[in-house]
C-alpha atoms as a PDB file:
ATOM      1  CA  MET A   1      19.562  17.116 -10.863  1.00  0.00           C
ATOM      2  CA  THR A   2      17.118  19.340 -12.636  1.00  0.00           C
ATOM      3  CA  GLY A   3      17.286  16.306 -15.231  1.00  0.00           C
ATOM      4  CA  PHE A   4      16.168  13.306 -12.536  1.00  0.00           C
ATOM      5  CA  PHE A   5      13.654  15.400 -11.378  1.00  0.00           C
ATOM      6  CA  ASN A   6      12.196  16.161 -15.114  1.00  0.00           C
ATOM      7  CA  ALA A   7      12.485  12.638 -16.092  1.00  0.00           C
ATOM      8  CA  ILE A   8      10.363  11.642 -12.708  1.00  0.00           C
ATOM      9  CA  GLY A   9       7.761  14.277 -14.100  1.00  0.00           C
ATOM     10  CA  ASP A  10       7.865  12.538 -17.623  1.00  0.00           C
ATOM     11  CA  PHE A  11       7.210   9.013 -16.477  1.00  0.00           C
ATOM     12  CA  PHE A  12       4.577   9.997 -13.854  1.00  0.00           C
ATOM     13  CA  THR A  13       2.853  12.169 -16.682  1.00  0.00           C
ATOM     14  CA  TRP A  14       3.251   8.482 -18.730  1.00  0.00           C
ATOM     15  CA  THR A  15       1.682   6.475 -16.205  1.00  0.00           C
ATOM     16  CA  PHE A  16      -1.457   8.821 -15.548  1.00  0.00           C
ATOM     17  CA  GLN A  17      -1.821   8.560 -19.156  1.00  0.00           C
ATOM     18  CA  PHE A  18      -3.219   4.848 -18.119  1.00  0.00           C
ATOM     19  CA  MET A  19      -4.967   5.558 -15.260  1.00  0.00           C
ATOM     20  CA  PRO A  20      -8.681   6.486 -16.719  1.00  0.00           C
ATOM     21  CA  SER A  21      -8.711   3.031 -18.864  1.00  0.00           C
ATOM     22  CA  LEU A  22      -8.013   1.010 -15.768  1.00  0.00           C
ATOM     23  CA  GLY A  23     -11.169   2.947 -13.280  1.00  0.00           C
ATOM     24  CA  ASN A  24     -11.062   1.987  -9.996  1.00  0.00           C
ATOM     25  CA  ILE A  25      -9.020  -1.211 -10.410  1.00  0.00           C
ATOM     26  CA  PRO A  26      -6.125   0.832  -8.663  1.00  0.00           C
ATOM     27  CA  ASN A  27      -8.207   1.739  -5.590  1.00  0.00           C
ATOM     28  CA  ILE A  28     -10.282  -1.791  -5.366  1.00  0.00           C
ATOM     29  CA  ALA A  29      -6.204  -2.875  -4.920  1.00  0.00           C
ATOM     30  CA  LEU A  30      -4.862  -0.437  -3.167  1.00  0.00           C
ATOM     31  CA  THR A  31      -7.857  -0.725  -0.313  1.00  0.00           C
ATOM     32  CA  LEU A  32      -7.815  -4.382  -0.106  1.00  0.00           C
ATOM     33  CA  ALA A  33      -4.055  -4.561   0.035  1.00  0.00           C
ATOM     34  CA  GLY A  34      -4.507  -2.067   2.978  1.00  0.00           C
ATOM     35  CA  ALA A  35      -7.085  -4.084   4.804  1.00  0.00           C
ATOM     36  CA  ALA A  36      -5.139  -7.789   4.411  1.00  0.00           C
ATOM     37  CA  ALA A  37      -2.252  -5.452   5.351  1.00  0.00           C
ATOM     38  CA  THR A  38      -3.929  -4.198   8.628  1.00  0.00           C
ATOM     39  CA  ILE A  39      -5.900  -7.999   9.222  1.00  0.00           C
ATOM     40  CA  TYR A  40      -2.252  -8.809   9.507  1.00  0.00           C
ATOM     41  CA  TRP A  41      -1.041  -6.668  11.969  1.00  0.00           C
ATOM     42  CA  LEU A  42      -3.882  -6.776  15.018  1.00  0.00           C
ATOM     43  CA  GLY A  43      -3.337 -10.447  14.195  1.00  0.00           C
ATOM     44  CA  GLN A  44       0.137 -10.154  15.396  1.00  0.00           C
ATOM     45  CA  MET A  45      -1.017  -8.135  18.142  1.00  0.00           C
ATOM     46  CA  VAL A  46      -3.304  -9.602  19.563  1.00  0.00           C
ATOM     47  CA  LYS A  47      -0.709 -12.819  19.163  1.00  0.00           C
ATOM     48  CA  HIS A  48       2.149 -11.298  21.067  1.00  0.00           C
ATOM     49  CA  ASN A  49      -0.436 -10.112  23.711  1.00  0.00           C
ATOM     50  CA  ARG A  50      -1.334 -13.746  24.144  1.00  0.00           C
ATOM     51  CA  GLU A  51       2.442 -14.484  24.793  1.00  0.00           C
ATOM     52  CA  ASP A  52       2.504 -11.794  27.173  1.00  0.00           C
ATOM     53  CA  ALA A  53       0.149 -12.852  29.421  1.00  0.00           C
ATOM     54  CA  ALA A  54       0.868 -16.590  29.104  1.00  0.00           C
ATOM     55  CA  ALA A  55       4.034 -15.276  30.458  1.00  0.00           C
ATOM     56  CA  LYS A  56       3.335 -13.544  33.220  1.00  0.00           C
END
């Protein structure tokens, strides 16, 4: 089991070597993905509220 966690640690250590060269791109990408998901979710909530109001 220790080997499994060591492998995960080695993978992240290898991955984080590239992060400085990417700059803010990962931050911007995650922010945009989160904003898009939030807008979609809020749109679905509005849609369901309208359907519930029409059914009453």
